Amino acid sequence: MDHFFTDIHRYLRYLEEAIILTLAEYGVPAGRIDGLTGVWLDYDTLKNPRKICALGVKSSRWVTMHGFAFNLNVDLSYFGHIVPCGIDDKAVTSLHLELGRPVTVEEVKQKVKKHLAALFEMNLIDTE
């Protein structure tokens, strides 16, 4: 029970950190922008900030639902029809666009799972 906590902000930061660490494995520097939840590229200079991962978490009685949307091989043209996350002055990107090549969901999933397990100090059990 010692590994459980009831700090939703800490939970969100751990989710962000798992994506940041995953992106680092691809050589893509990522981080946070104060006041904006999610994972961003060009977060430090803000010359061309781009969101690569959005978080949408609901918590009720300390049970969380939903999670994050990590843009991997996304057709970004659809974002031109909405205001993503209510932020109209920053762009959206994908790992595919940043790397210049597609990535497999399974490959990225394994990396994210590894980082989530380390950050949350948990052992994942493969049920397949």
N, C-alpha and C. Protein backbone atom coordinates (compact mmCIF):
# COMPACT_ATOMS: atom_id res chain seq x y z
N MET A 1 0.80 -1.20 0.00
CA MET A 1 0.00 0.00 0.00
C MET A 1 0.85 1.27 0.00
N ASP A 2 2.11 1.18 0.36
CA ASP A 2 2.95 2.37 0.46
C ASP A 2 3.16 3.06 -0.88
N HIS A 3 2.95 2.37 -2.00
CA HIS A 3 3.20 2.96 -3.30
C HIS A 3 2.01 3.75 -3.82
N PHE A 4 0.89 3.69 -3.16
CA PHE A 4 -0.29 4.40 -3.61
C PHE A 4 -0.30 5.80 -3.03
N PHE A 5 -0.84 6.74 -3.78
CA PHE A 5 -0.92 8.12 -3.31
C PHE A 5 -2.22 8.72 -3.82
N THR A 6 -2.64 9.81 -3.20
CA THR A 6 -3.91 10.44 -3.56
C THR A 6 -3.69 11.88 -4.02
N ASP A 7 -2.64 12.09 -4.79
CA ASP A 7 -2.33 13.41 -5.32
C ASP A 7 -2.53 13.37 -6.83
N ILE A 8 -3.64 13.93 -7.32
CA ILE A 8 -3.95 13.85 -8.74
C ILE A 8 -2.93 14.61 -9.58
N HIS A 9 -2.37 15.67 -9.03
CA HIS A 9 -1.35 16.42 -9.78
C HIS A 9 -0.08 15.58 -9.95
N ARG A 10 0.29 14.87 -8.92
CA ARG A 10 1.44 13.97 -9.01
C ARG A 10 1.17 12.88 -10.05
N TYR A 11 -0.04 12.35 -10.05
CA TYR A 11 -0.44 11.34 -11.02
C TYR A 11 -0.29 11.87 -12.45
N LEU A 12 -0.77 13.08 -12.70
CA LEU A 12 -0.66 13.69 -14.03
C LEU A 12 0.80 13.90 -14.41
N ARG A 13 1.61 14.37 -13.47
CA ARG A 13 3.03 14.60 -13.77
C ARG A 13 3.73 13.28 -14.09
N TYR A 14 3.36 12.19 -13.43
CA TYR A 14 3.95 10.88 -13.72
C TYR A 14 3.57 10.42 -15.13
N LEU A 15 2.31 10.63 -15.51
CA LEU A 15 1.91 10.28 -16.87
C LEU A 15 2.71 11.08 -17.89
N GLU A 16 2.83 12.37 -17.65
CA GLU A 16 3.63 13.22 -18.54
C GLU A 16 5.08 12.73 -18.59
N GLU A 17 5.63 12.42 -17.44
CA GLU A 17 7.04 12.01 -17.38
C GLU A 17 7.28 10.71 -18.15
N ALA A 18 6.33 9.79 -18.11
CA ALA A 18 6.48 8.54 -18.88
C ALA A 18 6.58 8.84 -20.37
N ILE A 19 5.81 9.80 -20.85
CA ILE A 19 5.87 10.17 -22.27
C ILE A 19 7.17 10.92 -22.56
N ILE A 20 7.57 11.80 -21.68
CA ILE A 20 8.83 12.54 -21.85
C ILE A 20 10.00 11.57 -21.94
N LEU A 21 10.04 10.58 -21.07
CA LEU A 21 11.12 9.58 -21.09
C LEU A 21 11.08 8.73 -22.35
N THR A 22 9.87 8.41 -22.79
CA THR A 22 9.73 7.63 -24.04
C THR A 22 10.25 8.44 -25.22
N LEU A 23 9.88 9.70 -25.30
CA LEU A 23 10.36 10.55 -26.38
C LEU A 23 11.87 10.69 -26.35
N ALA A 24 12.45 10.74 -25.16
CA ALA A 24 13.91 10.83 -25.05
C ALA A 24 14.58 9.61 -25.68
N GLU A 25 13.93 8.45 -25.59
CA GLU A 25 14.49 7.24 -26.22
C GLU A 25 14.55 7.38 -27.74
N TYR A 26 13.72 8.24 -28.29
CA TYR A 26 13.72 8.49 -29.73
C TYR A 26 14.56 9.71 -30.09
N GLY A 27 15.20 10.31 -29.09
CA GLY A 27 16.01 11.49 -29.33
C GLY A 27 15.19 12.75 -29.53
N VAL A 28 13.96 12.75 -29.02
CA VAL A 28 13.06 13.90 -29.17
C VAL A 28 12.93 14.57 -27.80
N PRO A 29 13.55 15.75 -27.63
CA PRO A 29 13.44 16.44 -26.34
C PRO A 29 12.03 16.96 -26.11
N ALA A 30 11.49 16.68 -24.95
CA ALA A 30 10.12 17.07 -24.63
C ALA A 30 10.05 17.50 -23.17
N GLY A 31 9.00 18.23 -22.84
CA GLY A 31 8.84 18.68 -21.46
C GLY A 31 7.47 19.28 -21.24
N ARG A 32 7.40 20.11 -20.21
CA ARG A 32 6.15 20.72 -19.81
C ARG A 32 6.20 22.23 -20.02
N ILE A 33 5.04 22.81 -20.19
CA ILE A 33 4.88 24.27 -20.23
C ILE A 33 4.02 24.64 -19.04
N ASP A 34 4.52 25.55 -18.21
CA ASP A 34 3.79 25.96 -17.01
C ASP A 34 2.35 26.32 -17.33
N GLY A 35 1.43 25.76 -16.56
CA GLY A 35 0.02 26.07 -16.71
C GLY A 35 -0.71 25.26 -17.77
N LEU A 36 0.02 24.45 -18.54
CA LEU A 36 -0.61 23.66 -19.60
C LEU A 36 -0.30 22.18 -19.39
N THR A 37 -1.29 21.40 -19.08
CA THR A 37 -1.10 19.96 -18.91
C THR A 37 -0.79 19.34 -20.26
N GLY A 38 0.05 18.32 -20.25
CA GLY A 38 0.41 17.62 -21.48
C GLY A 38 1.91 17.62 -21.68
N VAL A 39 2.32 17.05 -22.81
CA VAL A 39 3.74 16.97 -23.14
C VAL A 39 3.97 17.79 -24.41
N TRP A 40 5.01 18.59 -24.37
CA TRP A 40 5.27 19.57 -25.41
C TRP A 40 6.68 19.44 -25.97
N LEU A 41 6.82 19.79 -27.24
CA LEU A 41 8.12 19.94 -27.87
C LEU A 41 8.39 21.44 -27.98
N ASP A 42 9.63 21.81 -27.99
CA ASP A 42 10.05 23.22 -27.97
C ASP A 42 9.42 23.92 -26.77
N TYR A 43 9.41 23.22 -25.66
CA TYR A 43 8.81 23.71 -24.43
C TYR A 43 9.69 24.73 -23.72
N ASP A 44 10.98 24.72 -24.02
CA ASP A 44 11.91 25.58 -23.29
C ASP A 44 12.04 26.97 -23.92
N THR A 45 12.13 27.05 -25.24
CA THR A 45 12.26 28.36 -25.90
C THR A 45 10.91 28.94 -26.31
N LEU A 46 9.93 28.07 -26.47
CA LEU A 46 8.57 28.46 -26.88
C LEU A 46 8.54 29.18 -28.23
N LYS A 47 9.55 28.95 -29.08
CA LYS A 47 9.55 29.56 -30.40
C LYS A 47 8.53 28.88 -31.32
N ASN A 48 8.38 27.57 -31.17
CA ASN A 48 7.41 26.82 -31.96
C ASN A 48 6.87 25.67 -31.11
N PRO A 49 6.19 25.97 -29.99
CA PRO A 49 5.73 24.90 -29.10
C PRO A 49 4.67 24.04 -29.78
N ARG A 50 4.83 22.72 -29.62
CA ARG A 50 3.93 21.76 -30.24
C ARG A 50 3.54 20.70 -29.22
N LYS A 51 2.25 20.46 -29.09
CA LYS A 51 1.77 19.43 -28.16
C LYS A 51 1.81 18.08 -28.87
N ILE A 52 2.44 17.11 -28.21
CA ILE A 52 2.53 15.77 -28.78
C ILE A 52 1.71 14.77 -27.96
N CYS A 53 1.34 15.15 -26.76
CA CYS A 53 0.54 14.25 -25.92
C CYS A 53 -0.39 15.06 -25.03
N ALA A 54 -1.68 14.76 -25.15
CA ALA A 54 -2.70 15.39 -24.31
C ALA A 54 -3.12 14.43 -23.21
N LEU A 55 -3.46 14.98 -22.07
CA LEU A 55 -3.95 14.17 -20.96
C LEU A 55 -5.39 14.54 -20.68
N GLY A 56 -6.22 13.54 -20.49
CA GLY A 56 -7.61 13.74 -20.13
C GLY A 56 -7.97 12.72 -19.09
N VAL A 57 -7.88 13.09 -17.84
CA VAL A 57 -8.07 12.15 -16.75
C VAL A 57 -9.26 12.58 -15.91
N LYS A 58 -10.12 11.62 -15.61
CA LYS A 58 -11.22 11.85 -14.68
C LYS A 58 -10.93 11.04 -13.44
N SER A 59 -11.16 11.62 -12.30
CA SER A 59 -10.94 10.93 -11.04
C SER A 59 -12.21 11.01 -10.21
N SER A 60 -12.62 9.87 -9.68
CA SER A 60 -13.79 9.82 -8.82
C SER A 60 -13.53 8.80 -7.71
N ARG A 61 -13.56 9.27 -6.50
CA ARG A 61 -13.29 8.41 -5.34
C ARG A 61 -11.94 7.72 -5.47
N TRP A 62 -10.96 8.46 -6.00
CA TRP A 62 -9.57 8.01 -6.15
C TRP A 62 -9.41 6.87 -7.14
N VAL A 63 -10.38 6.75 -8.05
CA VAL A 63 -10.25 5.84 -9.17
C VAL A 63 -10.13 6.72 -10.41
N THR A 64 -9.09 6.48 -11.21
CA THR A 64 -8.90 7.31 -12.39
C THR A 64 -9.46 6.61 -13.63
N MET A 65 -9.94 7.43 -14.55
CA MET A 65 -10.46 6.92 -15.82
C MET A 65 -9.84 7.75 -16.95
N HIS A 66 -9.82 7.20 -18.10
CA HIS A 66 -9.23 7.83 -19.28
C HIS A 66 -7.71 7.82 -19.14
N GLY A 67 -7.04 8.78 -19.68
CA GLY A 67 -5.58 8.77 -19.61
C GLY A 67 -4.97 9.79 -20.54
N PHE A 68 -4.19 9.31 -21.51
CA PHE A 68 -3.49 10.25 -22.38
C PHE A 68 -3.66 9.86 -23.84
N ALA A 69 -3.47 10.85 -24.71
CA ALA A 69 -3.50 10.64 -26.15
C ALA A 69 -2.12 11.06 -26.68
N PHE A 70 -1.31 10.07 -26.99
CA PHE A 70 0.05 10.27 -27.47
C PHE A 70 -0.01 10.18 -28.99
N ASN A 71 0.24 11.28 -29.67
CA ASN A 71 0.14 11.32 -31.13
C ASN A 71 1.34 10.60 -31.75
N LEU A 72 1.07 9.46 -32.35
CA LEU A 72 2.13 8.68 -32.97
C LEU A 72 2.15 8.86 -34.48
N ASN A 73 1.19 8.27 -35.18
CA ASN A 73 1.11 8.33 -36.65
C ASN A 73 -0.21 8.98 -37.05
N VAL A 74 -0.50 10.13 -36.50
CA VAL A 74 -1.80 10.77 -36.62
C VAL A 74 -1.86 11.66 -37.87
N ASP A 75 -3.01 11.65 -38.52
CA ASP A 75 -3.28 12.60 -39.59
C ASP A 75 -3.63 13.93 -38.91
N LEU A 76 -2.68 14.84 -38.89
CA LEU A 76 -2.85 16.09 -38.15
C LEU A 76 -3.80 17.07 -38.83
N SER A 77 -4.22 16.80 -40.05
CA SER A 77 -5.12 17.73 -40.74
C SER A 77 -6.44 17.89 -39.99
N TYR A 78 -6.87 16.87 -39.26
CA TYR A 78 -8.12 16.95 -38.51
C TYR A 78 -8.06 18.00 -37.41
N PHE A 79 -6.87 18.26 -36.88
CA PHE A 79 -6.73 19.26 -35.83
C PHE A 79 -7.01 20.66 -36.34
N GLY A 80 -6.99 20.86 -37.66
CA GLY A 80 -7.30 22.15 -38.25
C GLY A 80 -8.77 22.52 -38.12
N HIS A 81 -9.61 21.56 -37.73
CA HIS A 81 -11.05 21.80 -37.62
C HIS A 81 -11.52 22.01 -36.18
N ILE A 82 -10.59 21.94 -35.24
CA ILE A 82 -10.94 22.09 -33.83
C ILE A 82 -9.90 22.99 -33.16
N VAL A 83 -10.17 23.34 -31.93
CA VAL A 83 -9.18 24.03 -31.10
C VAL A 83 -8.76 23.00 -30.05
N PRO A 84 -7.66 22.28 -30.32
CA PRO A 84 -7.25 21.19 -29.42
C PRO A 84 -7.00 21.68 -27.99
N CYS A 85 -7.66 21.06 -27.07
CA CYS A 85 -7.51 21.35 -25.63
C CYS A 85 -7.84 22.81 -25.31
N GLY A 86 -8.56 23.49 -26.20
CA GLY A 86 -8.90 24.88 -25.97
C GLY A 86 -7.73 25.84 -26.12
N ILE A 87 -6.64 25.37 -26.72
CA ILE A 87 -5.43 26.18 -26.88
C ILE A 87 -5.30 26.53 -28.36
N ASP A 88 -5.51 27.80 -28.68
CA ASP A 88 -5.52 28.18 -30.09
C ASP A 88 -4.22 28.82 -30.59
N ASP A 89 -3.26 29.01 -29.70
CA ASP A 89 -2.02 29.68 -30.13
C ASP A 89 -0.81 28.74 -30.16
N LYS A 90 -1.05 27.42 -30.10
CA LYS A 90 0.04 26.45 -30.15
C LYS A 90 -0.35 25.30 -31.06
N ALA A 91 0.64 24.70 -31.67
CA ALA A 91 0.41 23.64 -32.65
C ALA A 91 0.35 22.25 -32.00
N VAL A 92 -0.03 21.29 -32.81
CA VAL A 92 -0.06 19.88 -32.43
C VAL A 92 0.89 19.15 -33.37
N THR A 93 1.56 18.13 -32.87
CA THR A 93 2.48 17.36 -33.70
C THR A 93 2.33 15.88 -33.39
N SER A 94 3.12 15.07 -34.08
CA SER A 94 3.11 13.63 -33.87
C SER A 94 4.54 13.11 -33.88
N LEU A 95 4.74 11.95 -33.32
CA LEU A 95 6.08 11.34 -33.32
C LEU A 95 6.52 11.05 -34.76
N HIS A 96 5.59 10.59 -35.57
CA HIS A 96 5.86 10.33 -36.98
C HIS A 96 6.41 11.58 -37.68
N LEU A 97 5.75 12.71 -37.47
CA LEU A 97 6.18 13.96 -38.09
C LEU A 97 7.56 14.39 -37.58
N GLU A 98 7.76 14.27 -36.29
CA GLU A 98 9.03 14.71 -35.69
C GLU A 98 10.20 13.82 -36.10
N LEU A 99 9.95 12.52 -36.25
CA LEU A 99 11.02 11.58 -36.63
C LEU A 99 11.20 11.49 -38.14
N GLY A 100 10.14 11.84 -38.88
CA GLY A 100 10.19 11.70 -40.33
C GLY A 100 9.98 10.27 -40.78
N ARG A 101 9.43 9.47 -39.89
CA ARG A 101 9.13 8.07 -40.21
C ARG A 101 8.02 7.58 -39.28
N PRO A 102 7.23 6.62 -39.76
CA PRO A 102 6.19 6.07 -38.87
C PRO A 102 6.81 5.20 -37.78
N VAL A 103 6.09 5.06 -36.71
CA VAL A 103 6.48 4.17 -35.61
C VAL A 103 5.35 3.19 -35.36
N THR A 104 5.68 2.03 -34.84
CA THR A 104 4.62 1.06 -34.54
C THR A 104 4.07 1.32 -33.14
N VAL A 105 2.78 1.16 -33.01
CA VAL A 105 2.13 1.35 -31.72
C VAL A 105 2.73 0.39 -30.70
N GLU A 106 2.96 -0.84 -31.09
CA GLU A 106 3.49 -1.84 -30.15
C GLU A 106 4.86 -1.43 -29.62
N GLU A 107 5.71 -0.93 -30.49
CA GLU A 107 7.05 -0.50 -30.08
C GLU A 107 6.96 0.62 -29.04
N VAL A 108 6.14 1.62 -29.32
CA VAL A 108 5.99 2.74 -28.41
C VAL A 108 5.32 2.29 -27.12
N LYS A 109 4.32 1.43 -27.24
CA LYS A 109 3.60 0.94 -26.06
C LYS A 109 4.54 0.26 -25.07
N GLN A 110 5.46 -0.54 -25.56
CA GLN A 110 6.40 -1.22 -24.67
C GLN A 110 7.28 -0.22 -23.92
N LYS A 111 7.71 0.82 -24.61
CA LYS A 111 8.54 1.85 -23.97
C LYS A 111 7.74 2.61 -22.90
N VAL A 112 6.52 3.01 -23.24
CA VAL A 112 5.68 3.74 -22.29
C VAL A 112 5.39 2.87 -21.06
N LYS A 113 5.05 1.62 -21.28
CA LYS A 113 4.76 0.71 -20.16
C LYS A 113 5.96 0.59 -19.23
N LYS A 114 7.15 0.48 -19.80
CA LYS A 114 8.37 0.37 -19.00
C LYS A 114 8.53 1.60 -18.10
N HIS A 115 8.31 2.78 -18.66
CA HIS A 115 8.48 4.01 -17.88
C HIS A 115 7.37 4.18 -16.85
N LEU A 116 6.14 3.82 -17.20
CA LEU A 116 5.04 3.88 -16.23
C LEU A 116 5.32 2.96 -15.04
N ALA A 117 5.78 1.75 -15.33
CA ALA A 117 6.08 0.79 -14.27
C ALA A 117 7.16 1.33 -13.34
N ALA A 118 8.19 1.94 -13.91
CA ALA A 118 9.28 2.48 -13.08
C ALA A 118 8.79 3.66 -12.24
N LEU A 119 8.08 4.59 -12.85
CA LEU A 119 7.63 5.78 -12.14
C LEU A 119 6.64 5.47 -11.03
N PHE A 120 5.72 4.55 -11.30
CA PHE A 120 4.71 4.18 -10.31
C PHE A 120 5.17 3.04 -9.40
N GLU A 121 6.42 2.62 -9.59
CA GLU A 121 7.00 1.54 -8.78
C GLU A 121 6.08 0.33 -8.73
N MET A 122 5.74 -0.17 -9.90
CA MET A 122 4.84 -1.32 -9.97
C MET A 122 5.41 -2.38 -10.89
N ASN A 123 4.95 -3.57 -10.71
CA ASN A 123 5.31 -4.68 -11.58
C ASN A 123 4.12 -4.97 -12.50
N LEU A 124 4.39 -4.95 -13.79
CA LEU A 124 3.33 -5.26 -14.74
C LEU A 124 3.28 -6.76 -14.96
N ILE A 125 2.10 -7.29 -15.06
CA ILE A 125 1.90 -8.71 -15.28
C ILE A 125 1.33 -8.89 -16.68
N ASP A 126 2.04 -9.62 -17.52
CA ASP A 126 1.59 -9.89 -18.88
C ASP A 126 0.54 -10.99 -18.83
N THR A 127 -0.67 -10.68 -19.26
CA THR A 127 -1.75 -11.66 -19.23
C THR A 127 -1.97 -12.33 -20.57
N GLU A 128 -1.14 -11.99 -21.56
CA GLU A 128 -1.32 -12.60 -22.89
C GLU A 128 -0.61 -13.93 -22.96
